[in-house]
Amino acid sequence: MKELKDLITYILQALVDNPDKVQVNEIAGDKSIIYELRVGEGDLGKVIGKEGRTAHAIRTIITAAAMKVGKRTVIEILE
């Protein structure tokens, strides 16, 4: 789902200090899609947020967008 990948990339680039280091890897299955997120050094805290609130908000947005196309999403934030 190129649209979801573009949406995740857009959100992450707006949050971090080094938007050129944002990488989103998509692993598609039959009913679900896994997104692996990587950001530059020092930006991981900005993506996760206080007590994981930012990461939770990103997951909520992507889950809602994926429901429209009948897919389930998993977002993994990698170091």
PDB file of N, CA and C in Angstrom:
ATOM      1  N   MET A   1       0.835  -1.174   0.000  1.00  0.00           N
ATOM      2  CA  MET A   1       0.000   0.000   0.000  1.00  0.00           C
ATOM      3  C   MET A   1       0.886   1.245   0.000  1.00  0.00           C
ATOM      4  N   LYS A   2       1.119   1.740  -1.173  1.00  0.00           N
ATOM      5  CA  LYS A   2       1.987   2.904  -1.329  1.00  0.00           C
ATOM      6  C   LYS A   2       1.438   4.119  -0.581  1.00  0.00           C
ATOM      7  N   GLU A   3       0.117   4.254  -0.544  1.00  0.00           N
ATOM      8  CA  GLU A   3      -0.475   5.412   0.128  1.00  0.00           C
ATOM      9  C   GLU A   3      -0.159   5.412   1.622  1.00  0.00           C
ATOM     10  N   LEU A   4      -0.274   4.242   2.266  1.00  0.00           N
ATOM     11  CA  LEU A   4       0.011   4.158   3.694  1.00  0.00           C
ATOM     12  C   LEU A   4       1.492   4.406   3.972  1.00  0.00           C
ATOM     13  N   LYS A   5       2.345   3.847   3.129  1.00  0.00           N
ATOM     14  CA  LYS A   5       3.781   4.052   3.296  1.00  0.00           C
ATOM     15  C   LYS A   5       4.129   5.536   3.148  1.00  0.00           C
ATOM     16  N   ASP A   6       3.522   6.194   2.174  1.00  0.00           N
ATOM     17  CA  ASP A   6       3.750   7.631   1.976  1.00  0.00           C
ATOM     18  C   ASP A   6       3.238   8.443   3.171  1.00  0.00           C
ATOM     19  N   LEU A   7       2.094   8.031   3.721  1.00  0.00           N
ATOM     20  CA  LEU A   7       1.530   8.716   4.884  1.00  0.00           C
ATOM     21  C   LEU A   7       2.464   8.587   6.089  1.00  0.00           C
ATOM     22  N   ILE A   8       2.965   7.395   6.344  1.00  0.00           N
ATOM     23  CA  ILE A   8       3.894   7.175   7.456  1.00  0.00           C
ATOM     24  C   ILE A   8       5.153   8.008   7.257  1.00  0.00           C
ATOM     25  N   THR A   9       5.693   7.985   6.048  1.00  0.00           N
ATOM     26  CA  THR A   9       6.904   8.750   5.746  1.00  0.00           C
ATOM     27  C   THR A   9       6.668  10.236   5.981  1.00  0.00           C
ATOM     28  N   TYR A  10       5.542  10.741   5.529  1.00  0.00           N
ATOM     29  CA  TYR A  10       5.200  12.157   5.701  1.00  0.00           C
ATOM     30  C   TYR A  10       5.130  12.536   7.185  1.00  0.00           C
ATOM     31  N   ILE A  11       4.462  11.711   7.975  1.00  0.00           N
ATOM     32  CA  ILE A  11       4.319  11.982   9.405  1.00  0.00           C
ATOM     33  C   ILE A  11       5.688  11.975  10.087  1.00  0.00           C
ATOM     34  N   LEU A  12       6.493  10.956   9.794  1.00  0.00           N
ATOM     35  CA  LEU A  12       7.805  10.851  10.429  1.00  0.00           C
ATOM     36  C   LEU A  12       8.719  12.012  10.050  1.00  0.00           C
ATOM     37  N   GLN A  13       8.705  12.394   8.785  1.00  0.00           N
ATOM     38  CA  GLN A  13       9.567  13.482   8.341  1.00  0.00           C
ATOM     39  C   GLN A  13       9.193  14.800   9.006  1.00  0.00           C
ATOM     40  N   ALA A  14       7.920  14.966   9.338  1.00  0.00           N
ATOM     41  CA  ALA A  14       7.485  16.185  10.015  1.00  0.00           C
ATOM     42  C   ALA A  14       7.926  16.204  11.486  1.00  0.00           C
ATOM     43  N   LEU A  15       8.147  15.026  12.073  1.00  0.00           N
ATOM     44  CA  LEU A  15       8.490  14.937  13.489  1.00  0.00           C
ATOM     45  C   LEU A  15       9.983  15.057  13.780  1.00  0.00           C
ATOM     46  N   VAL A  16      10.823  14.559  12.889  1.00  0.00           N
ATOM     47  CA  VAL A  16      12.253  14.409  13.195  1.00  0.00           C
ATOM     48  C   VAL A  16      13.088  15.605  12.734  1.00  0.00           C
ATOM     49  N   ASP A  17      14.320  15.658  13.237  1.00  0.00           N
ATOM     50  CA  ASP A  17      15.255  16.712  12.849  1.00  0.00           C
ATOM     51  C   ASP A  17      15.948  16.399  11.521  1.00  0.00           C
ATOM     52  N   ASN A  18      16.114  15.106  11.214  1.00  0.00           N
ATOM     53  CA  ASN A  18      16.784  14.671   9.979  1.00  0.00           C
ATOM     54  C   ASN A  18      15.798  13.913   9.087  1.00  0.00           C
ATOM     55  N   PRO A  19      14.936  14.622   8.359  1.00  0.00           N
ATOM     56  CA  PRO A  19      13.919  13.934   7.550  1.00  0.00           C
ATOM     57  C   PRO A  19      14.498  13.081   6.427  1.00  0.00           C
ATOM     58  N   ASP A  20      15.725  13.371   5.990  1.00  0.00           N
ATOM     59  CA  ASP A  20      16.324  12.586   4.914  1.00  0.00           C
ATOM     60  C   ASP A  20      16.759  11.203   5.383  1.00  0.00           C
ATOM     61  N   LYS A  21      16.817  10.959   6.698  1.00  0.00           N
ATOM     62  CA  LYS A  21      17.232   9.656   7.219  1.00  0.00           C
ATOM     63  C   LYS A  21      16.055   8.753   7.572  1.00  0.00           C
ATOM     64  N   VAL A  22      14.849   9.189   7.273  1.00  0.00           N
ATOM     65  CA  VAL A  22      13.659   8.384   7.551  1.00  0.00           C
ATOM     66  C   VAL A  22      13.565   7.254   6.525  1.00  0.00           C
ATOM     67  N   GLN A  23      13.419   6.028   7.022  1.00  0.00           N
ATOM     68  CA  GLN A  23      13.246   4.867   6.154  1.00  0.00           C
ATOM     69  C   GLN A  23      12.013   4.098   6.609  1.00  0.00           C
ATOM     70  N   VAL A  24      11.157   3.754   5.666  1.00  0.00           N
ATOM     71  CA  VAL A  24       9.971   2.966   5.957  1.00  0.00           C
ATOM     72  C   VAL A  24      10.013   1.742   5.057  1.00  0.00           C
ATOM     73  N   ASN A  25      10.080   0.556   5.673  1.00  0.00           N
ATOM     74  CA  ASN A  25      10.113  -0.689   4.931  1.00  0.00           C
ATOM     75  C   ASN A  25       8.757  -1.378   5.082  1.00  0.00           C
ATOM     76  N   GLU A  26       8.189  -1.806   3.980  1.00  0.00           N
ATOM     77  CA  GLU A  26       6.857  -2.419   3.977  1.00  0.00           C
ATOM     78  C   GLU A  26       6.975  -3.904   3.678  1.00  0.00           C
ATOM     79  N   ILE A  27       6.392  -4.728   4.554  1.00  0.00           N
ATOM     80  CA  ILE A  27       6.341  -6.172   4.345  1.00  0.00           C
ATOM     81  C   ILE A  27       4.867  -6.544   4.271  1.00  0.00           C
ATOM     82  N   ALA A  28       4.420  -6.901   3.075  1.00  0.00           N
ATOM     83  CA  ALA A  28       2.994  -7.152   2.859  1.00  0.00           C
ATOM     84  C   ALA A  28       2.670  -8.641   2.956  1.00  0.00           C
ATOM     85  N   GLY A  29       1.561  -8.925   3.626  1.00  0.00           N
ATOM     86  CA  GLY A  29       1.019 -10.270   3.702  1.00  0.00           C
ATOM     87  C   GLY A  29      -0.374 -10.277   3.093  1.00  0.00           C
ATOM     88  N   ASP A  30      -1.096 -11.375   3.266  1.00  0.00           N
ATOM     89  CA  ASP A  30      -2.442 -11.474   2.701  1.00  0.00           C
ATOM     90  C   ASP A  30      -3.417 -10.498   3.359  1.00  0.00           C
ATOM     91  N   LYS A  31      -3.455 -10.517   4.683  1.00  0.00           N
ATOM     92  CA  LYS A  31      -4.411  -9.678   5.394  1.00  0.00           C
ATOM     93  C   LYS A  31      -3.764  -8.585   6.217  1.00  0.00           C
ATOM     94  N   SER A  32      -2.445  -8.596   6.303  1.00  0.00           N
ATOM     95  CA  SER A  32      -1.778  -7.591   7.132  1.00  0.00           C
ATOM     96  C   SER A  32      -0.543  -7.041   6.437  1.00  0.00           C
ATOM     97  N   ILE A  33      -0.120  -5.892   6.919  1.00  0.00           N
ATOM     98  CA  ILE A  33       1.075  -5.230   6.405  1.00  0.00           C
ATOM     99  C   ILE A  33       1.918  -4.829   7.610  1.00  0.00           C
ATOM    100  N   ILE A  34       3.213  -5.142   7.548  1.00  0.00           N
ATOM    101  CA  ILE A  34       4.134  -4.745   8.607  1.00  0.00           C
ATOM    102  C   ILE A  34       4.978  -3.594   8.080  1.00  0.00           C
ATOM    103  N   TYR A  35       5.059  -2.537   8.858  1.00  0.00           N
ATOM    104  CA  TYR A  35       5.900  -1.393   8.503  1.00  0.00           C
ATOM    105  C   TYR A  35       7.036  -1.304   9.508  1.00  0.00           C
ATOM    106  N   GLU A  36       8.257  -1.316   9.008  1.00  0.00           N
ATOM    107  CA  GLU A  36       9.437  -1.152   9.848  1.00  0.00           C
ATOM    108  C   GLU A  36       9.937   0.279   9.669  1.00  0.00           C
ATOM    109  N   LEU A  37      10.024   1.002  10.761  1.00  0.00           N
ATOM    110  CA  LEU A  37      10.421   2.404  10.706  1.00  0.00           C
ATOM    111  C   LEU A  37      11.823   2.573  11.263  1.00  0.00           C
ATOM    112  N   ARG A  38      12.640   3.324  10.544  1.00  0.00           N
ATOM    113  CA  ARG A  38      13.985   3.673  11.012  1.00  0.00           C
ATOM    114  C   ARG A  38      14.158   5.176  10.835  1.00  0.00           C
ATOM    115  N   VAL A  39      14.757   5.789  11.855  1.00  0.00           N
ATOM    116  CA  VAL A  39      15.024   7.227  11.797  1.00  0.00           C
ATOM    117  C   VAL A  39      16.486   7.461  12.164  1.00  0.00           C
ATOM    118  N   GLY A  40      16.944   8.672  11.949  1.00  0.00           N
ATOM    119  CA  GLY A  40      18.329   9.018  12.247  1.00  0.00           C
ATOM    120  C   GLY A  40      18.610   8.981  13.744  1.00  0.00           C
ATOM    121  N   GLU A  41      19.892   8.968  14.059  1.00  0.00           N
ATOM    122  CA  GLU A  41      20.308   8.931  15.457  1.00  0.00           C
ATOM    123  C   GLU A  41      19.830  10.193  16.176  1.00  0.00           C
ATOM    124  N   GLY A  42      19.263  10.016  17.339  1.00  0.00           N
ATOM    125  CA  GLY A  42      18.768  11.145  18.112  1.00  0.00           C
ATOM    126  C   GLY A  42      17.306  11.468  17.850  1.00  0.00           C
ATOM    127  N   ASP A  43      16.720  10.883  16.820  1.00  0.00           N
ATOM    128  CA  ASP A  43      15.320  11.156  16.482  1.00  0.00           C
ATOM    129  C   ASP A  43      14.364  10.094  17.009  1.00  0.00           C
ATOM    130  N   LEU A  44      14.902   9.004  17.530  1.00  0.00           N
ATOM    131  CA  LEU A  44      14.052   7.913  18.003  1.00  0.00           C
ATOM    132  C   LEU A  44      13.106   8.374  19.114  1.00  0.00           C
ATOM    133  N   GLY A  45      13.607   9.197  20.015  1.00  0.00           N
ATOM    134  CA  GLY A  45      12.782   9.703  21.107  1.00  0.00           C
ATOM    135  C   GLY A  45      11.633  10.566  20.628  1.00  0.00           C
ATOM    136  N   LYS A  46      11.852  11.294  19.543  1.00  0.00           N
ATOM    137  CA  LYS A  46      10.789  12.144  18.999  1.00  0.00           C
ATOM    138  C   LYS A  46       9.671  11.310  18.381  1.00  0.00           C
ATOM    139  N   VAL A  47      10.034  10.174  17.794  1.00  0.00           N
ATOM    140  CA  VAL A  47       9.034   9.307  17.167  1.00  0.00           C
ATOM    141  C   VAL A  47       8.241   8.552  18.230  1.00  0.00           C
ATOM    142  N   ILE A  48       8.911   8.125  19.287  1.00  0.00           N
ATOM    143  CA  ILE A  48       8.228   7.389  20.351  1.00  0.00           C
ATOM    144  C   ILE A  48       7.424   8.334  21.229  1.00  0.00           C
ATOM    145  N   GLY A  49       7.999   9.460  21.593  1.00  0.00           N
ATOM    146  CA  GLY A  49       7.281  10.445  22.405  1.00  0.00           C
ATOM    147  C   GLY A  49       7.270  10.080  23.877  1.00  0.00           C
ATOM    148  N   LYS A  50       6.726  10.985  24.676  1.00  0.00           N
ATOM    149  CA  LYS A  50       6.634  10.757  26.118  1.00  0.00           C
ATOM    150  C   LYS A  50       5.673   9.615  26.395  1.00  0.00           C
ATOM    151  N   GLU A  51       6.185   8.612  27.110  1.00  0.00           N
ATOM    152  CA  GLU A  51       5.414   7.419  27.456  1.00  0.00           C
ATOM    153  C   GLU A  51       4.810   6.732  26.235  1.00  0.00           C
ATOM    154  N   GLY A  52       5.414   6.921  25.075  1.00  0.00           N
ATOM    155  CA  GLY A  52       4.957   6.247  23.864  1.00  0.00           C
ATOM    156  C   GLY A  52       3.728   6.859  23.233  1.00  0.00           C
ATOM    157  N   ARG A  53       3.378   8.067  23.623  1.00  0.00           N
ATOM    158  CA  ARG A  53       2.140   8.684  23.124  1.00  0.00           C
ATOM    159  C   ARG A  53       2.196   8.989  21.630  1.00  0.00           C
ATOM    160  N   THR A  54       3.343   9.480  21.149  1.00  0.00           N
ATOM    161  CA  THR A  54       3.459   9.802  19.729  1.00  0.00           C
ATOM    162  C   THR A  54       3.388   8.533  18.886  1.00  0.00           C
ATOM    163  N   ALA A  55       4.089   7.487  19.320  1.00  0.00           N
ATOM    164  CA  ALA A  55       4.065   6.210  18.600  1.00  0.00           C
ATOM    165  C   ALA A  55       2.642   5.643  18.574  1.00  0.00           C
ATOM    166  N   HIS A  56       1.945   5.757  19.696  1.00  0.00           N
ATOM    167  CA  HIS A  56       0.565   5.265  19.765  1.00  0.00           C
ATOM    168  C   HIS A  56      -0.342   6.052  18.807  1.00  0.00           C
ATOM    169  N   ALA A  57      -0.143   7.351  18.736  1.00  0.00           N
ATOM    170  CA  ALA A  57      -0.950   8.184  17.840  1.00  0.00           C
ATOM    171  C   ALA A  57      -0.688   7.821  16.376  1.00  0.00           C
ATOM    172  N   ILE A  58       0.580   7.588  16.034  1.00  0.00           N
ATOM    173  CA  ILE A  58       0.914   7.183  14.661  1.00  0.00           C
ATOM    174  C   ILE A  58       0.247   5.854  14.335  1.00  0.00           C
ATOM    175  N   ARG A  59       0.317   4.902  15.268  1.00  0.00           N
ATOM    176  CA  ARG A  59      -0.317   3.589  15.050  1.00  0.00           C
ATOM    177  C   ARG A  59      -1.829   3.725  14.865  1.00  0.00           C
ATOM    178  N   THR A  60      -2.449   4.607  15.634  1.00  0.00           N
ATOM    179  CA  THR A  60      -3.897   4.814  15.535  1.00  0.00           C
ATOM    180  C   THR A  60      -4.279   5.371  14.167  1.00  0.00           C
ATOM    181  N   ILE A  61      -3.533   6.354  13.696  1.00  0.00           N
ATOM    182  CA  ILE A  61      -3.815   6.950  12.383  1.00  0.00           C
ATOM    183  C   ILE A  61      -3.666   5.924  11.269  1.00  0.00           C
ATOM    184  N   ILE A  62      -2.580   5.161  11.298  1.00  0.00           N
ATOM    185  CA  ILE A  62      -2.318   4.183  10.243  1.00  0.00           C
ATOM    186  C   ILE A  62      -3.334   3.040  10.297  1.00  0.00           C
ATOM    187  N   THR A  63      -3.714   2.617  11.493  1.00  0.00           N
ATOM    188  CA  THR A  63      -4.726   1.561  11.624  1.00  0.00           C
ATOM    189  C   THR A  63      -6.056   2.015  11.032  1.00  0.00           C
ATOM    190  N   ALA A  64      -6.438   3.254  11.308  1.00  0.00           N
ATOM    191  CA  ALA A  64      -7.691   3.786  10.766  1.00  0.00           C
ATOM    192  C   ALA A  64      -7.633   3.876   9.242  1.00  0.00           C
ATOM    193  N   ALA A  65      -6.503   4.307   8.694  1.00  0.00           N
ATOM    194  CA  ALA A  65      -6.365   4.411   7.243  1.00  0.00           C
ATOM    195  C   ALA A  65      -6.378   3.027   6.596  1.00  0.00           C
ATOM    196  N   ALA A  66      -5.789   2.051   7.263  1.00  0.00           N
ATOM    197  CA  ALA A  66      -5.726   0.688   6.704  1.00  0.00           C
ATOM    198  C   ALA A  66      -7.095  -0.001   6.731  1.00  0.00           C
ATOM    199  N   MET A  67      -7.927   0.360   7.703  1.00  0.00           N
ATOM    200  CA  MET A  67      -9.265  -0.242   7.793  1.00  0.00           C
ATOM    201  C   MET A  67     -10.098   0.035   6.547  1.00  0.00           C
ATOM    202  N   LYS A  68      -9.856   1.183   5.921  1.00  0.00           N
ATOM    203  CA  LYS A  68     -10.610   1.528   4.717  1.00  0.00           C
ATOM    204  C   LYS A  68     -10.369   0.540   3.584  1.00  0.00           C
ATOM    205  N   VAL A  69      -9.178  -0.064   3.571  1.00  0.00           N
ATOM    206  CA  VAL A  69      -8.854  -1.020   2.506  1.00  0.00           C
ATOM    207  C   VAL A  69      -8.899  -2.455   3.014  1.00  0.00           C
ATOM    208  N   GLY A  70      -9.362  -2.645   4.253  1.00  0.00           N
ATOM    209  CA  GLY A  70      -9.542  -3.981   4.794  1.00  0.00           C
ATOM    210  C   GLY A  70      -8.251  -4.690   5.169  1.00  0.00           C
ATOM    211  N   LYS A  71      -7.250  -3.952   5.557  1.00  0.00           N
ATOM    212  CA  LYS A  71      -5.975  -4.547   5.958  1.00  0.00           C
ATOM    213  C   LYS A  71      -5.713  -4.279   7.427  1.00  0.00           C
ATOM    214  N   ARG A  72      -4.867  -5.096   8.021  1.00  0.00           N
ATOM    215  CA  ARG A  72      -4.419  -4.910   9.395  1.00  0.00           C
ATOM    216  C   ARG A  72      -2.962  -4.484   9.325  1.00  0.00           C
ATOM    217  N   THR A  73      -2.577  -3.539  10.164  1.00  0.00           N
ATOM    218  CA  THR A  73      -1.190  -3.042  10.105  1.00  0.00           C
ATOM    219  C   THR A  73      -0.487  -3.262  11.431  1.00  0.00           C
ATOM    220  N   VAL A  74       0.824  -3.482  11.325  1.00  0.00           N
ATOM    221  CA  VAL A  74       1.704  -3.560  12.476  1.00  0.00           C
ATOM    222  C   VAL A  74       2.841  -2.593  12.211  1.00  0.00           C
ATOM    223  N   ILE A  75       3.126  -1.734  13.176  1.00  0.00           N
ATOM    224  CA  ILE A  75       4.211  -0.766  13.010  1.00  0.00           C
ATOM    225  C   ILE A  75       5.291  -1.079  14.029  1.00  0.00           C
ATOM    226  N   GLU A  76       6.491  -1.336  13.509  1.00  0.00           N
ATOM    227  CA  GLU A  76       7.637  -1.620  14.373  1.00  0.00           C
ATOM    228  C   GLU A  76       8.626  -0.478  14.224  1.00  0.00           C
ATOM    229  N   ILE A  77       8.997   0.105  15.341  1.00  0.00           N
ATOM    230  CA  ILE A  77       9.985   1.190  15.334  1.00  0.00           C
ATOM    231  C   ILE A  77      11.333   0.570  15.693  1.00  0.00           C
ATOM    232  N   LEU A  78      12.249   0.576  14.734  1.00  0.00           N
ATOM    233  CA  LEU A  78      13.546  -0.065  14.916  1.00  0.00           C
ATOM    234  C   LEU A  78      14.619   0.958  15.231  1.00  0.00           C
ATOM    235  N   GLU A  79      15.634   0.525  15.956  1.00  0.00           N
ATOM    236  CA  GLU A  79      16.761   1.417  16.273  1.00  0.00           C
ATOM    237  C   GLU A  79      17.754   1.438  15.133  1.00  0.00           C
TER     238      GLU A  79
END
